[in-house]
């Protein structure tokens, strides 16, 4: 029903244009000047209606294809790749169709046609002027095409840009929208992901490692803490069963740094799993080994006089 509503209006416009084209020929009740204006208006509506229908059909085709690639599944690398390519390809095709339709429409007017021929005669100068004026625009569009081909980012990739952590929500021809973890939107030009360094956590796979750092005194029993980490992971469905590791990664003058390394199926699960492990490991130390929590110790000695 929604698809029918999207197509019915352009069909009505196309029908009106055909009627305006045909009726004046059989009922020549209008003066020649008005008849010419009706002809031009009918041609404009005909081009607009046909363009509208063509865009609606293209969008419908791409939506039907993308239904077979669900990016909400756990292993969604191929789906994200297809969504990225098809979204940019759809925008390129629609951009070319609209540009062609506008060009054909403008050529219906004699004054515009004369200007077009004049520009064509001085194409060298016009090309240089337009190239300098639209240098950034053309560069941005070319960057969008490069992203579609090389795919440094894909739809739903987890990235860190401008010190913000989020997901790639939309990739347009000239800009990219990043959905930040707190639901803000960061809009960046396509050239940013070609020219600037950024982190892509899901470039080759949706699986991701998560780290949890715990700080404790030198008296903490590492083996007991490892056993508790294993128990926590086995009881949590967010863990994918791949990585379970705990190591002492640093030793300072009054505490040691313990790193727990865990794995999950995707970035969202990894974040929730890290929070879960951190909270429960701290609770485990508070309950069973409170003396091992990091404290600052001061030793006072009485000097004998």
C-alpha atoms as a PDB file:
ATOM      1  CA  UNK A   1       0.000   0.000   0.000  1.00  0.00           C
ATOM      2  CA  UNK A   2       2.817   2.429   0.854  1.00  0.00           C
ATOM      3  CA  UNK A   3       4.555   1.606  -2.427  1.00  0.00           C
ATOM      4  CA  UNK A   4       1.350   2.298  -4.357  1.00  0.00           C
ATOM      5  CA  UNK A   5       0.959   5.695  -2.659  1.00  0.00           C
ATOM      6  CA  UNK A   6       4.504   6.645  -3.653  1.00  0.00           C
ATOM      7  CA  UNK A   7       3.866   5.855  -7.330  1.00  0.00           C
ATOM      8  CA  UNK A   8       0.268   7.079  -7.746  1.00  0.00           C
ATOM      9  CA  UNK A   9       1.124  10.817  -7.598  1.00  0.00           C
ATOM     10  CA  UNK A  10       3.833  10.752 -10.310  1.00  0.00           C
ATOM     11  CA  UNK A  11       1.485   8.641 -12.473  1.00  0.00           C
ATOM     12  CA  UNK A  12      -1.198  11.334 -12.115  1.00  0.00           C
ATOM     13  CA  UNK A  13       1.340  14.013 -13.093  1.00  0.00           C
ATOM     14  CA  UNK A  14       2.380  11.963 -16.121  1.00  0.00           C
ATOM     15  CA  UNK A  15      -1.272  11.438 -17.115  1.00  0.00           C
ATOM     16  CA  UNK A  16      -1.966  15.175 -16.833  1.00  0.00           C
ATOM     17  CA  UNK A  17       1.070  15.936 -18.999  1.00  0.00           C
ATOM     18  CA  UNK A  18      -0.084  13.510 -21.714  1.00  0.00           C
ATOM     19  CA  UNK A  19      -3.564  15.033 -21.606  1.00  0.00           C
ATOM     20  CA  UNK A  20      -2.139  18.536 -21.951  1.00  0.00           C
ATOM     21  CA  UNK A  21      -0.088  17.329 -24.911  1.00  0.00           C
ATOM     22  CA  UNK A  22      -2.973  15.691 -26.770  1.00  0.00           C
ATOM     23  CA  UNK A  23      -6.081  17.767 -26.032  1.00  0.00           C
ATOM     24  CA  UNK A  24      -4.968  21.110 -27.604  1.00  0.00           C
ATOM     25  CA  UNK A  25      -4.194  19.321 -30.877  1.00  0.00           C
ATOM     26  CA  UNK A  26      -7.789  18.201 -31.300  1.00  0.00           C
ATOM     27  CA  UNK A  27      -9.435  21.227 -29.715  1.00  0.00           C
ATOM     28  CA  UNK A  28      -7.549  24.209 -31.046  1.00  0.00           C
ATOM     29  CA  UNK A  29      -9.510  26.804 -29.115  1.00  0.00           C
ATOM     30  CA  UNK A  30      -6.443  28.539 -27.726  1.00  0.00           C
ATOM     31  CA  UNK A  31      -4.417  31.242 -29.497  1.00  0.00           C
ATOM     32  CA  UNK A  32      -0.995  30.206 -30.844  1.00  0.00           C
ATOM     33  CA  UNK A  33       0.903  31.966 -28.021  1.00  0.00           C
ATOM     34  CA  UNK A  34      -1.108  30.220 -25.306  1.00  0.00           C
ATOM     35  CA  UNK A  35      -0.911  26.929 -27.175  1.00  0.00           C
ATOM     36  CA  UNK A  36       2.895  27.162 -27.184  1.00  0.00           C
ATOM     37  CA  UNK A  37       2.944  27.843 -23.432  1.00  0.00           C
ATOM     38  CA  UNK A  38       0.663  24.850 -22.822  1.00  0.00           C
ATOM     39  CA  UNK A  39       2.971  22.686 -24.951  1.00  0.00           C
ATOM     40  CA  UNK A  40       6.017  23.749 -22.923  1.00  0.00           C
ATOM     41  CA  UNK A  41       4.180  23.250 -19.613  1.00  0.00           C
ATOM     42  CA  UNK A  42       3.055  19.802 -20.760  1.00  0.00           C
ATOM     43  CA  UNK A  43       6.623  18.896 -21.734  1.00  0.00           C
ATOM     44  CA  UNK A  44       7.935  20.030 -18.341  1.00  0.00           C
ATOM     45  CA  UNK A  45       5.269  17.982 -16.535  1.00  0.00           C
ATOM     46  CA  UNK A  46       6.015  15.013 -18.778  1.00  0.00           C
ATOM     47  CA  UNK A  47       9.723  15.136 -17.932  1.00  0.00           C
ATOM     48  CA  UNK A  48       8.991  15.661 -14.216  1.00  0.00           C
ATOM     49  CA  UNK A  49       6.462  12.815 -14.084  1.00  0.00           C
ATOM     50  CA  UNK A  50       8.709  10.377 -15.933  1.00  0.00           C
ATOM     51  CA  UNK A  51      11.690  11.333 -13.723  1.00  0.00           C
ATOM     52  CA  UNK A  52       9.578  10.947 -10.591  1.00  0.00           C
ATOM     53  CA  UNK A  53       8.386   7.476 -11.618  1.00  0.00           C
ATOM     54  CA  UNK A  54      11.900   6.401 -12.585  1.00  0.00           C
ATOM     55  CA  UNK A  55      13.307   7.473  -9.201  1.00  0.00           C
ATOM     56  CA  UNK A  56      10.466   5.723  -7.342  1.00  0.00           C
ATOM     57  CA  UNK A  57      11.078   2.484  -9.285  1.00  0.00           C
ATOM     58  CA  UNK A  58      14.831   2.646  -8.634  1.00  0.00           C
ATOM     59  CA  UNK A  59      14.297   3.205  -4.898  1.00  0.00           C
ATOM     60  CA  UNK A  60      11.779   0.356  -4.776  1.00  0.00           C
ATOM     61  CA  UNK A  61      14.241  -1.953  -6.550  1.00  0.00           C
ATOM     62  CA  UNK A  62      17.075  -1.140  -4.133  1.00  0.00           C
ATOM     63  CA  UNK A  63      14.797  -1.544  -1.082  1.00  0.00           C
ATOM     64  CA  UNK A  64      13.715  -4.980  -2.291  1.00  0.00           C
ATOM     65  CA  UNK A  65      17.325  -6.056  -2.817  1.00  0.00           C
ATOM     66  CA  UNK A  66      18.460  -4.768   0.600  1.00  0.00           C
ATOM     67  CA  UNK A  67      15.688  -6.689   2.370  1.00  0.00           C
ATOM     68  CA  UNK A  68      17.764  -9.832   1.814  1.00  0.00           C
ATOM     69  CA  UNK A  69      20.708  -8.325   3.736  1.00  0.00           C
ATOM     70  CA  UNK A  70      19.864  -7.728   7.399  1.00  0.00           C
ATOM     71  CA  UNK A  71      22.451  -5.583   9.208  1.00  0.00           C
ATOM     72  CA  UNK A  72      20.857  -6.394  12.590  1.00  0.00           C
ATOM     73  CA  UNK A  73      22.230  -9.941  12.601  1.00  0.00           C
ATOM     74  CA  UNK A  74      25.393 -10.819  14.543  1.00  0.00           C
ATOM     75  CA  UNK A  75      27.692 -11.552  11.576  1.00  0.00           C
ATOM     76  CA  UNK A  76      26.667  -8.617   9.390  1.00  0.00           C
ATOM     77  CA  UNK A  77      29.902  -7.785   7.558  1.00  0.00           C
ATOM     78  CA  UNK A  78      28.594  -8.746   4.093  1.00  0.00           C
ATOM     79  CA  UNK A  79      25.241  -7.058   4.773  1.00  0.00           C
ATOM     80  CA  UNK A  80      26.927  -3.802   5.788  1.00  0.00           C
ATOM     81  CA  UNK A  81      29.117  -3.952   2.679  1.00  0.00           C
ATOM     82  CA  UNK A  82      26.098  -4.388   0.371  1.00  0.00           C
ATOM     83  CA  UNK A  83      24.100  -1.648   2.155  1.00  0.00           C
ATOM     84  CA  UNK A  84      26.996   0.804   1.795  1.00  0.00           C
ATOM     85  CA  UNK A  85      27.522   0.124  -1.912  1.00  0.00           C
ATOM     86  CA  UNK A  86      23.832   0.167  -2.797  1.00  0.00           C
ATOM     87  CA  UNK A  87      23.057   3.326  -0.831  1.00  0.00           C
ATOM     88  CA  UNK A  88      25.800   5.315  -2.538  1.00  0.00           C
ATOM     89  CA  UNK A  89      25.020   3.773  -5.943  1.00  0.00           C
ATOM     90  CA  UNK A  90      21.354   4.708  -5.534  1.00  0.00           C
ATOM     91  CA  UNK A  91      22.247   8.332  -4.767  1.00  0.00           C
ATOM     92  CA  UNK A  92      24.603   8.512  -7.758  1.00  0.00           C
ATOM     93  CA  UNK A  93      21.965   7.160 -10.155  1.00  0.00           C
ATOM     94  CA  UNK A  94      19.276   9.496  -8.791  1.00  0.00           C
ATOM     95  CA  UNK A  95      21.676  12.458  -9.005  1.00  0.00           C
ATOM     96  CA  UNK A  96      22.419  11.677 -12.680  1.00  0.00           C
ATOM     97  CA  UNK A  97      18.701  11.246 -13.475  1.00  0.00           C
ATOM     98  CA  UNK A  98      17.761  14.566 -11.857  1.00  0.00           C
ATOM     99  CA  UNK A  99      20.657  16.382 -13.538  1.00  0.00           C
ATOM    100  CA  UNK A 100      19.649  14.942 -16.930  1.00  0.00           C
ATOM    101  CA  UNK A 101      15.994  15.871 -16.370  1.00  0.00           C
ATOM    102  CA  UNK A 102      16.908  19.461 -15.457  1.00  0.00           C
ATOM    103  CA  UNK A 103      19.150  19.743 -18.529  1.00  0.00           C
ATOM    104  CA  UNK A 104      16.416  18.458 -20.864  1.00  0.00           C
ATOM    105  CA  UNK A 105      13.866  20.787 -19.252  1.00  0.00           C
ATOM    106  CA  UNK A 106      16.091  23.848 -19.688  1.00  0.00           C
ATOM    107  CA  UNK A 107      16.687  22.976 -23.340  1.00  0.00           C
ATOM    108  CA  UNK A 108      12.944  23.419 -23.963  1.00  0.00           C
ATOM    109  CA  UNK A 109      13.396  27.190 -23.674  1.00  0.00           C
ATOM    110  CA  UNK A 110      14.967  28.948 -26.639  1.00  0.00           C
ATOM    111  CA  UNK A 111      16.847  31.549 -24.585  1.00  0.00           C
ATOM    112  CA  UNK A 112      18.469  28.885 -22.454  1.00  0.00           C
ATOM    113  CA  UNK A 113      19.307  26.875 -25.557  1.00  0.00           C
ATOM    114  CA  UNK A 114      21.132  29.871 -27.065  1.00  0.00           C
ATOM    115  CA  UNK A 115      23.099  30.350 -23.845  1.00  0.00           C
ATOM    116  CA  UNK A 116      23.973  26.660 -23.912  1.00  0.00           C
ATOM    117  CA  UNK A 117      25.333  26.907 -27.439  1.00  0.00           C
ATOM    118  CA  UNK A 118      27.347  29.991 -26.477  1.00  0.00           C
ATOM    119  CA  UNK A 119      28.862  28.180 -23.514  1.00  0.00           C
ATOM    120  CA  UNK A 120      29.599  25.183 -25.693  1.00  0.00           C
ATOM    121  CA  UNK A 121      31.467  27.456 -28.086  1.00  0.00           C
ATOM    122  CA  UNK A 122      33.637  28.732 -25.228  1.00  0.00           C
ATOM    123  CA  UNK A 123      33.797  25.393 -23.406  1.00  0.00           C
ATOM    124  CA  UNK A 124      37.478  25.740 -22.507  1.00  0.00           C
ATOM    125  CA  UNK A 125      37.064  28.935 -20.510  1.00  0.00           C
ATOM    126  CA  UNK A 126      33.777  27.768 -18.977  1.00  0.00           C
ATOM    127  CA  UNK A 127      35.320  24.488 -17.889  1.00  0.00           C
ATOM    128  CA  UNK A 128      38.183  26.259 -16.118  1.00  0.00           C
ATOM    129  CA  UNK A 129      35.854  28.696 -14.354  1.00  0.00           C
ATOM    130  CA  UNK A 130      33.412  25.990 -13.260  1.00  0.00           C
ATOM    131  CA  UNK A 131      36.267  23.732 -12.196  1.00  0.00           C
ATOM    132  CA  UNK A 132      37.744  26.386  -9.920  1.00  0.00           C
ATOM    133  CA  UNK A 133      34.354  27.346  -8.491  1.00  0.00           C
ATOM    134  CA  UNK A 134      33.223  23.785  -7.810  1.00  0.00           C
ATOM    135  CA  UNK A 135      36.554  22.297  -6.788  1.00  0.00           C
ATOM    136  CA  UNK A 136      35.479  21.389  -3.251  1.00  0.00           C
ATOM    137  CA  UNK A 137      32.087  20.089  -4.376  1.00  0.00           C
ATOM    138  CA  UNK A 138      33.626  17.857  -7.028  1.00  0.00           C
ATOM    139  CA  UNK A 139      36.266  16.662  -4.559  1.00  0.00           C
ATOM    140  CA  UNK A 140      33.576  15.759  -2.029  1.00  0.00           C
ATOM    141  CA  UNK A 141      31.573  13.830  -4.641  1.00  0.00           C
ATOM    142  CA  UNK A 142      34.683  11.971  -5.787  1.00  0.00           C
ATOM    143  CA  UNK A 143      35.435  11.130  -2.142  1.00  0.00           C
ATOM    144  CA  UNK A 144      31.943   9.643  -1.847  1.00  0.00           C
ATOM    145  CA  UNK A 145      32.595   7.502  -4.924  1.00  0.00           C
ATOM    146  CA  UNK A 146      35.938   6.412  -3.474  1.00  0.00           C
ATOM    147  CA  UNK A 147      34.243   5.374  -0.223  1.00  0.00           C
ATOM    148  CA  UNK A 148      31.742   3.287  -2.217  1.00  0.00           C
ATOM    149  CA  UNK A 149      34.543   1.501  -4.079  1.00  0.00           C
ATOM    150  CA  UNK A 150      37.271   1.076  -1.436  1.00  0.00           C
ATOM    151  CA  UNK A 151      34.927   1.054   1.595  1.00  0.00           C
ATOM    152  CA  UNK A 152      37.117   2.316   4.442  1.00  0.00           C
ATOM    153  CA  UNK A 153      33.784   2.606   6.279  1.00  0.00           C
ATOM    154  CA  UNK A 154      30.489   0.772   5.961  1.00  0.00           C
ATOM    155  CA  UNK A 155      26.981   1.223   7.304  1.00  0.00           C
ATOM    156  CA  UNK A 156      26.874   0.352  11.045  1.00  0.00           C
ATOM    157  CA  UNK A 157      30.684   0.338  11.403  1.00  0.00           C
ATOM    158  CA  UNK A 158      31.954   1.271  14.869  1.00  0.00           C
ATOM    159  CA  UNK A 159      34.343   4.211  14.558  1.00  0.00           C
ATOM    160  CA  UNK A 160      36.153   6.805  16.645  1.00  0.00           C
ATOM    161  CA  UNK A 161      36.244  10.197  14.928  1.00  0.00           C
ATOM    162  CA  UNK A 162      37.009  13.583  16.452  1.00  0.00           C
ATOM    163  CA  UNK A 163      37.486  11.773  19.812  1.00  0.00           C
ATOM    164  CA  UNK A 164      33.862  10.556  19.637  1.00  0.00           C
ATOM    165  CA  UNK A 165      32.769   6.896  19.686  1.00  0.00           C
ATOM    166  CA  UNK A 166      29.798   5.900  17.538  1.00  0.00           C
ATOM    167  CA  UNK A 167      28.313   4.040  14.577  1.00  0.00           C
ATOM    168  CA  UNK A 168      28.171   4.960  10.888  1.00  0.00           C
ATOM    169  CA  UNK A 169      24.470   5.692  10.419  1.00  0.00           C
ATOM    170  CA  UNK A 170      24.322   7.146   6.902  1.00  0.00           C
ATOM    171  CA  UNK A 171      26.740   7.437   3.985  1.00  0.00           C
ATOM    172  CA  UNK A 172      25.629   9.991   1.406  1.00  0.00           C
ATOM    173  CA  UNK A 173      27.432  11.127  -1.704  1.00  0.00           C
ATOM    174  CA  UNK A 174      28.898  14.228  -0.030  1.00  0.00           C
ATOM    175  CA  UNK A 175      28.653  13.588   3.732  1.00  0.00           C
ATOM    176  CA  UNK A 176      28.660  10.857   6.393  1.00  0.00           C
ATOM    177  CA  UNK A 177      26.499  10.780   9.543  1.00  0.00           C
ATOM    178  CA  UNK A 178      27.975   9.200  12.689  1.00  0.00           C
ATOM    179  CA  UNK A 179      25.551   8.260  15.474  1.00  0.00           C
ATOM    180  CA  UNK A 180      27.330   9.013  18.761  1.00  0.00           C
ATOM    181  CA  UNK A 181      26.758   6.691  21.730  1.00  0.00           C
ATOM    182  CA  UNK A 182      24.667   9.369  23.515  1.00  0.00           C
ATOM    183  CA  UNK A 183      22.347   9.693  20.443  1.00  0.00           C
ATOM    184  CA  UNK A 184      23.974  12.842  19.075  1.00  0.00           C
ATOM    185  CA  UNK A 185      24.748  12.976  15.364  1.00  0.00           C
ATOM    186  CA  UNK A 186      28.148  13.962  13.983  1.00  0.00           C
ATOM    187  CA  UNK A 187      27.982  15.028  10.328  1.00  0.00           C
ATOM    188  CA  UNK A 188      31.283  14.958   8.449  1.00  0.00           C
ATOM    189  CA  UNK A 189      32.173  15.565   4.780  1.00  0.00           C
ATOM    190  CA  UNK A 190      33.070  12.472   2.770  1.00  0.00           C
ATOM    191  CA  UNK A 191      36.591  13.820   2.287  1.00  0.00           C
ATOM    192  CA  UNK A 192      37.222  13.447   6.037  1.00  0.00           C
ATOM    193  CA  UNK A 193      37.351   9.643   5.788  1.00  0.00           C
ATOM    194  CA  UNK A 194      39.775   9.847   2.863  1.00  0.00           C
ATOM    195  CA  UNK A 195      42.146  12.505   4.183  1.00  0.00           C
ATOM    196  CA  UNK A 196      42.019  12.190   7.999  1.00  0.00           C
ATOM    197  CA  UNK A 197      43.041   9.238  10.220  1.00  0.00           C
ATOM    198  CA  UNK A 198      40.264   7.567  12.220  1.00  0.00           C
ATOM    199  CA  UNK A 199      39.633   4.293  14.049  1.00  0.00           C
ATOM    200  CA  UNK A 200      37.352   1.622  12.563  1.00  0.00           C
ATOM    201  CA  UNK A 201      36.730  -1.138  15.098  1.00  0.00           C
ATOM    202  CA  UNK A 202      34.685  -3.363  12.763  1.00  0.00           C
ATOM    203  CA  UNK A 203      36.608  -3.023   9.492  1.00  0.00           C
ATOM    204  CA  UNK A 204      37.002  -6.759   8.871  1.00  0.00           C
ATOM    205  CA  UNK A 205      34.588  -8.349  11.334  1.00  0.00           C
ATOM    206  CA  UNK A 206      31.796  -7.416  13.722  1.00  0.00           C
ATOM    207  CA  UNK A 207      33.528  -9.306  16.551  1.00  0.00           C
ATOM    208  CA  UNK A 208      35.453  -7.086  18.915  1.00  0.00           C
ATOM    209  CA  UNK A 209      37.681  -7.349  21.980  1.00  0.00           C
ATOM    210  CA  UNK A 210      36.990  -5.412  25.144  1.00  0.00           C
ATOM    211  CA  UNK A 211      39.387  -4.490  27.947  1.00  0.00           C
ATOM    212  CA  UNK A 212      38.657  -3.942  31.630  1.00  0.00           C
ATOM    213  CA  UNK A 213      41.303  -2.461  33.939  1.00  0.00           C
ATOM    214  CA  UNK A 214      41.243  -3.126  37.676  1.00  0.00           C
ATOM    215  CA  UNK A 215      43.651  -1.533  40.171  1.00  0.00           C
ATOM    216  CA  UNK A 216      44.482  -3.366  43.394  1.00  0.00           C
ATOM    217  CA  UNK A 217      47.236  -3.733  45.958  1.00  0.00           C
ATOM    218  CA  UNK A 218      50.113  -6.183  45.724  1.00  0.00           C
ATOM    219  CA  UNK A 219      48.287  -8.621  48.048  1.00  0.00           C
ATOM    220  CA  UNK A 220      45.432  -9.392  45.618  1.00  0.00           C
ATOM    221  CA  UNK A 221      45.206 -13.106  44.650  1.00  0.00           C
ATOM    222  CA  UNK A 222      45.427 -13.085  40.838  1.00  0.00           C
ATOM    223  CA  UNK A 223      44.371 -16.728  40.416  1.00  0.00           C
ATOM    224  CA  UNK A 224      41.192 -16.198  42.424  1.00  0.00           C
ATOM    225  CA  UNK A 225      40.411 -13.125  40.357  1.00  0.00           C
ATOM    226  CA  UNK A 226      40.944 -15.130  37.140  1.00  0.00           C
ATOM    227  CA  UNK A 227      38.546 -17.823  38.349  1.00  0.00           C
ATOM    228  CA  UNK A 228      35.939 -15.183  39.134  1.00  0.00           C
ATOM    229  CA  UNK A 229      36.332 -13.667  35.646  1.00  0.00           C
ATOM    230  CA  UNK A 230      35.797 -17.099  34.066  1.00  0.00           C
ATOM    231  CA  UNK A 231      32.703 -17.664  36.187  1.00  0.00           C
ATOM    232  CA  UNK A 232      31.279 -14.271  35.244  1.00  0.00           C
ATOM    233  CA  UNK A 233      31.850 -14.833  31.526  1.00  0.00           C
ATOM    234  CA  UNK A 234      30.337 -18.324  31.524  1.00  0.00           C
ATOM    235  CA  UNK A 235      27.209 -16.940  33.181  1.00  0.00           C
ATOM    236  CA  UNK A 236      26.795 -14.042  30.726  1.00  0.00           C
ATOM    237  CA  UNK A 237      25.284 -14.622  27.237  1.00  0.00           C
ATOM    238  CA  UNK A 238      27.063 -11.534  25.889  1.00  0.00           C
ATOM    239  CA  UNK A 239      30.379 -13.412  25.883  1.00  0.00           C
ATOM    240  CA  UNK A 240      31.017 -15.234  22.589  1.00  0.00           C
ATOM    241  CA  UNK A 241      33.256 -17.866  24.199  1.00  0.00           C
ATOM    242  CA  UNK A 242      36.411 -16.811  22.320  1.00  0.00           C
ATOM    243  CA  UNK A 243      38.684 -14.683  24.511  1.00  0.00           C
ATOM    244  CA  UNK A 244      39.038 -14.858  28.306  1.00  0.00           C
ATOM    245  CA  UNK A 245      42.330 -13.518  29.586  1.00  0.00           C
ATOM    246  CA  UNK A 246      43.605 -11.709  32.662  1.00  0.00           C
ATOM    247  CA  UNK A 247      47.125 -10.325  33.110  1.00  0.00           C
ATOM    248  CA  UNK A 248      49.008  -7.915  35.319  1.00  0.00           C
ATOM    249  CA  UNK A 249      50.011  -5.208  32.854  1.00  0.00           C
ATOM    250  CA  UNK A 250      51.686  -2.683  35.158  1.00  0.00           C
ATOM    251  CA  UNK A 251      53.093  -2.347  38.673  1.00  0.00           C
ATOM    252  CA  UNK A 252      53.274   1.034  40.401  1.00  0.00           C
ATOM    253  CA  UNK A 253      54.679   1.982  43.796  1.00  0.00           C
ATOM    254  CA  UNK A 254      51.386   1.446  45.644  1.00  0.00           C
ATOM    255  CA  UNK A 255      49.213  -0.688  43.327  1.00  0.00           C
ATOM    256  CA  UNK A 256      49.182  -3.036  40.348  1.00  0.00           C
ATOM    257  CA  UNK A 257      47.202  -2.754  37.109  1.00  0.00           C
ATOM    258  CA  UNK A 258      45.200  -5.846  36.115  1.00  0.00           C
ATOM    259  CA  UNK A 259      43.782  -6.122  32.597  1.00  0.00           C
ATOM    260  CA  UNK A 260      40.888  -8.412  31.766  1.00  0.00           C
ATOM    261  CA  UNK A 261      40.512  -9.103  28.038  1.00  0.00           C
ATOM    262  CA  UNK A 262      37.126 -10.394  26.816  1.00  0.00           C
ATOM    263  CA  UNK A 263      35.421 -10.800  23.443  1.00  0.00           C
ATOM    264  CA  UNK A 264      31.894 -10.274  22.147  1.00  0.00           C
ATOM    265  CA  UNK A 265      29.957 -10.644  18.890  1.00  0.00           C
ATOM    266  CA  UNK A 266      29.657  -6.915  18.242  1.00  0.00           C
ATOM    267  CA  UNK A 267      30.529  -3.534  19.709  1.00  0.00           C
ATOM    268  CA  UNK A 268      27.279  -3.091  21.656  1.00  0.00           C
ATOM    269  CA  UNK A 269      27.670  -6.466  23.357  1.00  0.00           C
ATOM    270  CA  UNK A 270      31.334  -5.720  24.066  1.00  0.00           C
ATOM    271  CA  UNK A 271      30.461  -2.447  25.798  1.00  0.00           C
ATOM    272  CA  UNK A 272      27.786  -4.062  27.987  1.00  0.00           C
ATOM    273  CA  UNK A 273      30.076  -7.009  28.775  1.00  0.00           C
ATOM    274  CA  UNK A 274      32.926  -4.707  29.838  1.00  0.00           C
ATOM    275  CA  UNK A 275      30.612  -2.794  32.174  1.00  0.00           C
ATOM    276  CA  UNK A 276      29.286  -6.074  33.611  1.00  0.00           C
ATOM    277  CA  UNK A 277      32.783  -7.500  34.235  1.00  0.00           C
ATOM    278  CA  UNK A 278      34.105  -4.260  35.756  1.00  0.00           C
ATOM    279  CA  UNK A 279      31.176  -3.887  38.185  1.00  0.00           C
ATOM    280  CA  UNK A 280      31.261  -7.512  39.351  1.00  0.00           C
ATOM    281  CA  UNK A 281      35.042  -7.722  39.722  1.00  0.00           C
ATOM    282  CA  UNK A 282      34.997  -4.610  41.916  1.00  0.00           C
ATOM    283  CA  UNK A 283      32.147  -6.109  43.928  1.00  0.00           C
ATOM    284  CA  UNK A 284      34.078  -9.371  44.261  1.00  0.00           C
ATOM    285  CA  UNK A 285      37.096  -7.545  45.680  1.00  0.00           C
ATOM    286  CA  UNK A 286      34.952  -5.471  48.051  1.00  0.00           C
ATOM    287  CA  UNK A 287      33.231  -8.572  49.407  1.00  0.00           C
ATOM    288  CA  UNK A 288      36.082 -11.068  49.573  1.00  0.00           C
ATOM    289  CA  UNK A 289      39.318  -9.070  49.599  1.00  0.00           C
ATOM    290  CA  UNK A 290      38.597  -5.544  50.843  1.00  0.00           C
ATOM    291  CA  UNK A 291      42.156  -5.228  52.097  1.00  0.00           C
ATOM    292  CA  UNK A 292      43.360  -5.577  48.482  1.00  0.00           C
ATOM    293  CA  UNK A 293      41.639  -2.443  47.265  1.00  0.00           C
ATOM    294  CA  UNK A 294      44.085   0.356  46.425  1.00  0.00           C
ATOM    295  CA  UNK A 295      44.811   2.598  49.387  1.00  0.00           C
ATOM    296  CA  UNK A 296      47.478   5.088  50.314  1.00  0.00           C
ATOM    297  CA  UNK A 297      49.506   3.911  53.276  1.00  0.00           C
ATOM    298  CA  UNK A 298      51.461   6.228  55.532  1.00  0.00           C
ATOM    299  CA  UNK A 299      53.960   4.872  58.067  1.00  0.00           C
ATOM    300  CA  UNK A 300      54.659   7.081  61.081  1.00  0.00           C
ATOM    301  CA  UNK A 301      57.694   6.374  63.257  1.00  0.00           C
ATOM    302  CA  UNK A 302      58.399   7.952  66.634  1.00  0.00           C
ATOM    303  CA  UNK A 303      61.858   9.361  66.871  1.00  0.00           C
ATOM    304  CA  UNK A 304      63.596   8.648  70.132  1.00  0.00           C
ATOM    305  CA  UNK A 305      65.254  11.660  71.591  1.00  0.00           C
END
